[in-house]
Structures are given as structure tokens and as C-alpha cells.
């Protein structure tokens, strides 16, 4: 079979079905009707002598033949697209594309309003889909094209994943107005004596704050595990529970609630975030343009790097101080099983200085 006898558009359809897992959604992405997509798939099946996809409910599951060749197909299409675009300058106003971003709740609150406002004016043909991909699945999702860009904590990845550090910011603690124990300043002893809310989309596992406390032989009492931060802020306003959040997130959510905002009583914990994409999208003009837009929008976040800072192109270049393992995989150690116990099992109370205790007596 000679290449001149093959309609290369069929492979565009193949890639879209693989990425979307559904014929109808693939048609929407390519601006084609469902019958046109089905007809193209039939032609490609006849050409390659393989079913290519097997229907399971509403999903089209790729065969082993399709999985084995999809990377080569994508690389070939990427090379063609990049070279075609180079002959025609990329114009956001004329772009027609949906981008799938992996973000957690805070990043949606921080990024999406400004991003969509920007796209409405300069790239009205672009659309955005967001979801939260598990960290352990992030690399495969980026490689498959199911996710175009992701913002996550800095973590180790393979050489095929590109990343750029975005910003870091400190944690703060929210308490209600008129809290019976907390006035203006929150110390660690008081922090540990209170009841706490932990916000996470995961069913189990410690947070960054709990890991940091555990390293110091300390533990807080979490009485509410919540999926959503705003509902947690509402609970804070009605109870004596505390909520620990990144500083900017607390400012965004606390408007109108009038909860008190306190500095976190340890200097160490900071939330850090990096932007991730697959090497196959490195030179994609649309992907590159969106990366630059996101970076500019997050530049005002406290701790963001100044323009011109070096990209961390490889996982080996991530600073040693950054988190090395996904938090899903971090298991609570024996030192966190009992309040305020060290790793050797000895009780280690967080005591006030001697002079302060004397005054209290």
C-alpha cells in the first residue's frame, strides 16, 4: 500500500476517538457529524484490517493494535501540524480548539475567571474543560492527550514530561469571629488543641499540613473531612473549628464571611505549584500560547517567579526542597497515630516557654 492511497484525515479521526473515547465527542471536536466519524472509522478499519475500537457502553475502547500505534500517529500528526502552522502564523482569534486542563479546586477559583475573560476577547473559538486527574495517572493522561496541561505540586516525572515552576505561597488559618480561645495571634499549642477541618478530594491520606506536623512529632485533631473548601469556610463561620488554607485561597473564599485569618504557627509549610505538559506538545503553538497566558495570569500570585526565570525542563532539575512524592501515596506513619508523639513513640508535648508558664500560674 502506497501512502498516496491513504487519506491522512482518517488518522486525525482515529486520534480524536482515542482521546475522547466517544464517537459523538470526537465529532464535536472535529466539527464533523456522527455519521461522518463512523464512516471514517469504517474506512480505517478496512484499511488496517483491525477493529481499532470496541464499544463498551458509551465508550470506545481501543484495541491492542490501536494502543501500540497511537504514539506514532500522534507524533506524525504533530510534526505535520507544527510545520503547517509555521508557514501560517498562529492567530488565537482564528483558533478552534478545546483544551483539557487538570486543576484542583483552588486553581479553578484562581485561574478560570481571568482565563475565560481573556479567551472571550482574544480566542473566542477556544474552549476549556477541567477535571482533577490523580497524580499517579497524570503522566499517562498527558502522554495520551486526554489532558493538555496540568497544574500540580512539584513532583518527579519522566523525561517526557515538561514542567515549569509557577509559584509558592504560605498557609494561613481561618477561625470564626469571636472564637472563644483565639484572639489576634495563634500559637502552635492553641492550634493543636482545636478541632480541625481537612479539605481533600481524596477519601483518605494525610494533607501537606499533617505531613509537616508529623515530621515534628505533632498531630492535630481532624473532625471533618470535606470535599469543598467553600463549604468548609461556612462551617468555620458557624463553629469553633479551624481551617488551614493557602493564603490567596483563604482571601478569595473569605469575602463576606468575615472569618479571622491567622498566620500558620509554623514557618515551614508552603503550597507550591508547577505547570506540566507532554513533550509532544512542546512546540504546539496553541499549547505554547496557552502556557504563556496561564503563566502571565498567575504572575500576581504571591511568590510567583519574575519573568525570565528558568524553566525546569526535566524532573531531575526540580529543587530538592520540593515535594518528591504524590500525596496520594504518602501513608500516615506510626508517629501520627497518637497526638503529639514522636517517631520513637515517646510523648512530646508542645510546651509553652518556662517564663510564659510561670505567668500563667
Protein backbone atom coordinates (compact mmCIF):
# COMPACT_ATOMS: atom_id res chain seq x y z
CA UNK A 1 0.00 0.00 0.00
CA UNK A 2 1.39 3.38 -1.03
CA UNK A 3 0.97 6.45 1.18
CA UNK A 4 -0.64 8.31 -1.71
CA UNK A 5 -3.56 5.90 -1.46
CA UNK A 6 -4.21 6.76 2.20
CA UNK A 7 -6.41 9.62 3.40
CA UNK A 8 -4.41 11.11 6.27
CA UNK A 9 -7.58 12.69 7.67
CA UNK A 10 -8.57 9.20 8.79
CA UNK A 11 -5.76 9.25 11.32
CA UNK A 12 -6.98 12.59 12.63
CA UNK A 13 -10.32 10.86 13.29
CA UNK A 14 -8.53 7.91 14.91
CA UNK A 15 -6.65 10.18 17.30
CA UNK A 16 -9.80 12.12 18.22
CA UNK A 17 -11.76 8.93 19.01
CA UNK A 18 -8.85 7.64 21.10
CA UNK A 19 -8.59 10.92 23.01
CA UNK A 20 -12.31 11.41 23.62
CA UNK A 21 -13.30 7.75 23.99
CA UNK A 22 -16.57 8.52 22.26
CA UNK A 23 -17.62 8.99 18.60
CA UNK A 24 -20.03 11.84 19.30
CA UNK A 25 -17.48 13.84 21.32
CA UNK A 26 -14.83 13.20 18.67
CA UNK A 27 -17.23 14.60 16.07
CA UNK A 28 -17.77 17.74 18.16
CA UNK A 29 -14.03 18.29 18.43
CA UNK A 30 -13.55 17.91 14.67
CA UNK A 31 -16.79 19.68 13.67
CA UNK A 32 -17.99 16.52 11.95
CA UNK A 33 -21.30 14.67 12.25
CA UNK A 34 -21.51 11.30 13.96
CA UNK A 35 -22.22 9.50 10.64
CA UNK A 36 -19.14 11.12 9.12
CA UNK A 37 -16.99 9.94 12.03
CA UNK A 38 -18.44 6.43 11.83
CA UNK A 39 -17.83 6.32 8.08
CA UNK A 40 -14.21 7.42 8.53
CA UNK A 41 -13.71 4.77 11.22
CA UNK A 42 -15.10 2.07 8.91
CA UNK A 43 -12.71 3.11 6.14
CA UNK A 44 -9.78 3.00 8.53
CA UNK A 45 -10.83 -0.43 9.84
CA UNK A 46 -10.92 -1.75 6.28
CA UNK A 47 -7.57 -0.15 5.53
CA UNK A 48 -5.76 -1.50 8.60
CA UNK A 49 -7.66 -4.77 8.91
CA UNK A 50 -8.38 -4.29 12.61
CA UNK A 51 -11.48 -3.26 14.62
CA UNK A 52 -9.38 -0.42 16.18
CA UNK A 53 -12.05 0.24 18.84
CA UNK A 54 -14.53 -1.96 20.71
CA UNK A 55 -17.70 -0.41 22.09
CA UNK A 56 -18.28 -0.77 25.84
CA UNK A 57 -21.45 1.07 26.74
CA UNK A 58 -20.95 4.69 25.68
CA UNK A 59 -17.18 4.30 25.45
CA UNK A 60 -14.99 3.25 22.54
CA UNK A 61 -12.15 1.14 23.98
CA UNK A 62 -9.00 0.91 21.79
CA UNK A 63 -7.71 -2.47 20.71
CA UNK A 64 -4.12 -3.54 21.33
CA UNK A 65 -3.33 -2.65 17.71
CA UNK A 66 -4.55 0.93 18.25
CA UNK A 67 -2.75 1.34 21.57
CA UNK A 68 0.51 0.17 20.01
CA UNK A 69 0.43 2.69 17.16
CA UNK A 70 -1.26 5.73 18.72
CA UNK A 71 2.01 7.36 19.86
CA UNK A 72 3.47 7.14 16.35
CA UNK A 73 0.25 8.50 14.85
CA UNK A 74 0.27 11.44 17.25
CA UNK A 75 3.91 12.22 16.64
CA UNK A 76 3.35 12.20 12.88
CA UNK A 77 0.28 14.44 13.14
CA UNK A 78 2.15 16.77 15.50
CA UNK A 79 5.04 17.13 13.05
CA UNK A 80 2.63 17.89 10.21
CA UNK A 81 0.65 20.41 12.28
CA UNK A 82 3.73 22.23 13.57
CA UNK A 83 5.21 22.54 10.09
CA UNK A 84 1.93 23.72 8.62
CA UNK A 85 1.47 26.31 11.36
CA UNK A 86 4.99 27.61 10.86
CA UNK A 87 4.02 28.61 7.34
CA UNK A 88 0.97 30.41 8.73
CA UNK A 89 1.46 32.49 11.86
CA UNK A 90 -0.60 31.24 14.79
CA UNK A 91 -3.54 33.58 15.31
CA UNK A 92 -5.51 32.98 18.55
CA UNK A 93 -8.57 34.75 17.09
CA UNK A 94 -8.85 32.05 14.41
CA UNK A 95 -8.08 29.03 16.62
CA UNK A 96 -10.75 26.38 17.10
CA UNK A 97 -9.75 24.02 19.87
CA UNK A 98 -10.78 22.61 23.23
CA UNK A 99 -8.11 22.37 25.94
CA UNK A 100 -8.41 19.90 28.79
CA UNK A 101 -6.75 21.17 31.98
CA UNK A 102 -6.14 19.20 35.18
CA UNK A 103 -6.66 21.59 38.11
CA UNK A 104 -7.63 21.29 41.73
CA UNK A 105 -10.43 23.41 43.19
CA UNK A 106 -8.22 26.29 44.32
CA UNK A 107 -6.63 26.65 40.88
CA UNK A 108 -10.05 26.75 39.22
CA UNK A 109 -11.07 29.58 41.54
CA UNK A 110 -7.81 31.43 40.98
CA UNK A 111 -7.32 30.91 37.25
CA UNK A 112 -10.57 30.29 35.37
CA UNK A 113 -12.31 33.69 35.73
CA UNK A 114 -9.33 35.58 34.28
CA UNK A 115 -8.55 32.90 31.71
CA UNK A 116 -12.07 32.73 30.31
CA UNK A 117 -12.33 36.50 30.25
CA UNK A 118 -9.11 36.59 28.22
CA UNK A 119 -10.20 33.84 25.82
CA UNK A 120 -13.54 35.52 25.21
CA UNK A 121 -11.76 38.55 23.80
CA UNK A 122 -8.67 37.14 22.06
CA UNK A 123 -9.52 33.49 21.29
CA UNK A 124 -13.31 33.06 21.18
CA UNK A 125 -13.02 29.76 19.30
CA UNK A 126 -11.12 28.12 22.17
CA UNK A 127 -12.92 26.26 24.94
CA UNK A 128 -11.78 24.80 28.25
CA UNK A 129 -12.59 21.54 30.03
CA UNK A 130 -11.29 20.94 33.55
CA UNK A 131 -11.03 17.88 35.76
CA UNK A 132 -8.83 16.62 38.59
CA UNK A 133 -6.53 13.82 37.47
CA UNK A 134 -4.91 11.70 40.16
CA UNK A 135 -1.22 12.46 40.44
CA UNK A 136 -0.23 8.86 39.79
CA UNK A 137 -2.18 8.96 36.50
CA UNK A 138 -1.07 12.42 35.39
CA UNK A 139 1.85 11.33 33.20
CA UNK A 140 -0.18 8.76 31.27
CA UNK A 141 -3.03 11.25 30.79
CA UNK A 142 -0.65 13.86 29.40
CA UNK A 143 1.01 11.26 27.16
CA UNK A 144 -2.32 10.04 25.78
CA UNK A 145 -3.50 13.58 25.03
CA UNK A 146 -6.51 13.23 27.34
CA UNK A 147 -5.05 16.17 29.28
CA UNK A 148 -3.25 19.05 27.54
CA UNK A 149 -1.90 20.89 30.60
CA UNK A 150 -1.87 20.27 34.33
CA UNK A 151 -1.05 22.36 37.38
CA UNK A 152 0.10 20.28 40.33
CA UNK A 153 2.54 20.24 43.20
CA UNK A 154 6.16 19.85 42.05
CA UNK A 155 6.87 16.14 41.69
CA UNK A 156 9.16 13.68 39.96
CA UNK A 157 8.22 12.76 36.38
CA UNK A 158 9.89 11.08 33.43
CA UNK A 159 11.97 12.96 30.87
CA UNK A 160 8.97 13.05 28.53
CA UNK A 161 7.06 15.42 30.81
CA UNK A 162 7.99 19.10 30.73
CA UNK A 163 7.35 21.31 33.73
CA UNK A 164 7.72 24.90 34.80
CA UNK A 165 7.56 26.14 38.37
CA UNK A 166 4.80 28.72 38.85
CA UNK A 167 4.64 30.00 42.42
CA UNK A 168 4.51 29.25 46.11
CA UNK A 169 2.53 30.82 48.90
CA UNK A 170 2.24 30.36 52.67
CA UNK A 171 -0.61 28.76 54.56
CA UNK A 172 -2.94 30.63 56.89
CA UNK A 173 -5.56 29.51 59.41
CA UNK A 174 -9.20 30.58 59.44
CA UNK A 175 -11.25 30.86 62.62
CA UNK A 176 -14.62 32.44 63.25
CA UNK A 177 -15.05 35.94 64.59
CA UNK A 178 -15.32 35.80 68.36
CA UNK A 179 -13.59 32.45 68.71
CA UNK A 180 -13.51 31.72 72.48
CA UNK A 181 -9.81 30.75 72.55
CA UNK A 182 -8.16 32.63 69.69
CA UNK A 183 -7.75 36.40 69.78
CA UNK A 184 -5.30 38.11 67.45
CA UNK A 185 -2.36 35.73 67.38
CA UNK A 186 -2.47 31.96 67.01
CA UNK A 187 0.31 29.88 68.59
CA UNK A 188 1.08 26.23 67.95
CA UNK A 189 -0.19 24.98 71.31
CA UNK A 190 -3.57 26.60 70.74
CA UNK A 191 -3.63 25.37 67.14
CA UNK A 192 -3.12 21.74 68.21
CA UNK A 193 -5.76 21.96 70.94
CA UNK A 194 -8.52 22.92 68.48
CA UNK A 195 -10.66 20.75 66.20
CA UNK A 196 -9.82 20.99 62.50
CA UNK A 197 -11.29 20.64 59.01
CA UNK A 198 -9.31 18.94 56.23
CA UNK A 199 -10.38 19.60 52.64
CA UNK A 200 -9.46 16.96 50.06
CA UNK A 201 -10.97 15.21 47.05
CA UNK A 202 -9.32 12.01 48.28
CA UNK A 203 -11.08 9.64 50.65
CA UNK A 204 -8.04 9.07 52.82
CA UNK A 205 -4.46 10.14 53.31
CA UNK A 206 -2.70 12.99 55.13
CA UNK A 207 -2.51 16.53 53.83
CA UNK A 208 0.68 18.54 53.41
CA UNK A 209 -0.03 20.18 56.78
CA UNK A 210 -0.44 16.82 58.52
CA UNK A 211 2.80 15.56 56.97
CA UNK A 212 4.64 18.64 58.21
CA UNK A 213 3.23 18.23 61.72
CA UNK A 214 4.11 14.54 61.70
CA UNK A 215 7.72 15.34 60.87
CA UNK A 216 7.82 17.34 64.08
CA UNK A 217 6.15 14.63 66.15
CA UNK A 218 2.86 16.53 66.31
CA UNK A 219 -0.69 15.80 65.29
CA UNK A 220 -3.87 17.85 65.05
CA UNK A 221 -7.40 16.55 65.57
CA UNK A 222 -9.34 16.48 62.27
CA UNK A 223 -13.06 16.04 62.88
CA UNK A 224 -14.35 16.95 59.42
CA UNK A 225 -13.08 15.76 56.04
CA UNK A 226 -14.73 17.89 53.36
CA UNK A 227 -14.62 17.81 49.55
CA UNK A 228 -15.12 21.53 49.03
CA UNK A 229 -13.30 24.47 50.53
CA UNK A 230 -16.17 26.96 50.45
CA UNK A 231 -18.44 24.69 52.48
CA UNK A 232 -15.54 24.25 54.94
CA UNK A 233 -15.28 28.05 55.27
CA UNK A 234 -19.00 28.17 56.04
CA UNK A 235 -18.55 25.55 58.75
CA UNK A 236 -15.73 27.63 60.26
CA UNK A 237 -18.03 30.66 60.47
CA UNK A 238 -20.60 28.65 62.49
CA UNK A 239 -18.31 26.57 64.74
CA UNK A 240 -15.05 26.77 66.68
CA UNK A 241 -13.24 24.56 64.14
CA UNK A 242 -10.16 25.75 62.27
CA UNK A 243 -9.36 25.52 58.57
CA UNK A 244 -5.82 25.72 57.16
CA UNK A 245 -5.58 27.03 53.59
CA UNK A 246 -3.15 28.70 51.18
CA UNK A 247 -3.21 32.43 51.78
CA UNK A 248 -4.70 33.53 48.46
CA UNK A 249 -7.39 30.86 48.57
CA UNK A 250 -8.42 31.99 52.04
CA UNK A 251 -8.69 35.59 50.83
CA UNK A 252 -10.84 34.59 47.86
CA UNK A 253 -13.26 32.43 49.83
CA UNK A 254 -13.49 34.52 52.98
CA UNK A 255 -15.10 37.53 51.30
CA UNK A 256 -18.39 38.15 53.05
CA UNK A 257 -17.81 35.53 55.75
CA UNK A 258 -15.61 37.71 57.97
CA UNK A 259 -13.66 34.80 59.41
CA UNK A 260 -10.40 35.71 61.11
CA UNK A 261 -7.20 34.98 59.17
CA UNK A 262 -4.11 33.99 61.17
CA UNK A 263 -0.56 33.20 60.16
CA UNK A 264 0.18 29.50 60.31
CA UNK A 265 2.16 28.97 63.56
CA UNK A 266 4.99 27.09 61.83
CA UNK A 267 7.26 28.81 59.29
CA UNK A 268 7.79 25.79 57.06
CA UNK A 269 4.68 24.82 55.03
CA UNK A 270 4.16 26.48 51.66
CA UNK A 271 1.96 25.44 48.77
CA UNK A 272 3.99 25.14 45.57
CA UNK A 273 2.69 24.55 42.06
CA UNK A 274 4.16 23.74 38.65
CA UNK A 275 2.77 23.60 35.13
CA UNK A 276 3.08 20.24 33.30
CA UNK A 277 2.78 19.24 29.64
CA UNK A 278 3.95 16.37 27.43
CA UNK A 279 6.99 16.69 25.19
CA UNK A 280 4.79 16.13 22.13
CA UNK A 281 3.06 19.46 22.92
CA UNK A 282 6.33 21.35 23.47
CA UNK A 283 6.24 23.05 20.06
CA UNK A 284 2.49 23.09 19.56
CA UNK A 285 1.79 26.82 19.01
CA UNK A 286 -1.67 26.73 20.61
CA UNK A 287 -0.44 24.83 23.65
CA UNK A 288 2.57 27.11 23.93
CA UNK A 289 0.36 30.20 23.70
CA UNK A 290 -1.96 28.91 26.44
CA UNK A 291 1.01 28.08 28.69
CA UNK A 292 2.24 31.65 28.37
CA UNK A 293 -1.23 33.02 29.11
CA UNK A 294 -1.55 30.91 32.25
CA UNK A 295 1.91 31.94 33.44
CA UNK A 296 1.10 35.63 32.98
CA UNK A 297 -2.23 35.33 34.82
CA UNK A 298 -0.62 33.61 37.79
CA UNK A 299 2.29 36.07 37.90
CA UNK A 300 0.49 38.18 40.51
CA UNK A 301 0.19 35.26 42.93
CA UNK A 302 2.42 35.86 46.00
CA UNK A 303 5.77 34.17 45.48
CA UNK A 304 5.46 33.90 41.70
CA UNK A 305 8.79 33.99 39.83
CA UNK A 306 9.75 37.07 37.88
CA UNK A 307 9.55 36.96 34.10
CA UNK A 308 12.57 35.29 32.59
CA UNK A 309 13.09 32.65 35.29
CA UNK A 310 14.45 29.35 34.02
CA UNK A 311 12.12 26.51 33.15
CA UNK A 312 12.53 23.17 34.85
CA UNK A 313 12.55 21.09 31.68
CA UNK A 314 13.42 17.81 33.34
CA UNK A 315 12.35 16.20 36.58
CA UNK A 316 15.99 15.99 37.65
CA UNK A 317 16.07 19.80 37.80
CA UNK A 318 13.36 20.08 40.45
CA UNK A 319 14.75 21.71 43.56
CA UNK A 320 15.50 19.27 46.39
CA UNK A 321 13.20 21.20 48.73
CA UNK A 322 10.15 20.40 46.62
CA UNK A 323 7.81 17.55 47.44
CA UNK A 324 9.12 14.34 45.95
CA UNK A 325 6.12 12.03 46.19
CA UNK A 326 2.43 12.39 45.30
CA UNK A 327 0.39 12.94 48.42
CA UNK A 328 -1.96 10.05 47.47
CA UNK A 329 0.92 7.70 48.05
CA UNK A 330 2.01 9.12 51.41
CA UNK A 331 0.87 6.89 54.23
CA UNK A 332 0.48 8.02 57.83
CA UNK A 333 3.39 6.73 59.90
CA UNK A 334 3.27 5.45 63.44
CA UNK A 335 4.26 8.89 64.68
CA UNK A 336 0.88 10.24 63.55
CA UNK A 337 -1.24 7.61 65.27
CA UNK A 338 -1.26 9.40 68.61
CA UNK A 339 -1.44 13.12 69.28
CA UNK A 340 1.91 14.79 69.91
CA UNK A 341 4.04 11.65 69.87
CA UNK A 342 7.47 11.45 68.31
CA UNK A 343 8.51 8.80 65.79
CA UNK A 344 10.05 6.70 68.60
CA UNK A 345 6.71 6.55 70.42
CA UNK A 346 7.67 8.96 73.21
CA UNK A 347 5.20 11.66 74.21
CA UNK A 348 6.39 15.10 73.12
CA UNK A 349 4.04 17.83 74.21
CA UNK A 350 4.32 21.20 72.57
CA UNK A 351 5.03 23.16 75.76
CA UNK A 352 4.98 26.86 76.36
CA UNK A 353 8.25 28.53 77.34
CA UNK A 354 9.03 28.39 81.08
CA UNK A 355 8.50 32.12 81.65
CA UNK A 356 5.16 32.00 79.98
CA UNK A 357 4.05 29.02 82.10
CA UNK A 358 5.06 30.88 85.26
CA UNK A 359 2.93 33.84 84.26
CA UNK A 360 0.01 31.54 83.56
CA UNK A 361 0.30 30.06 87.04
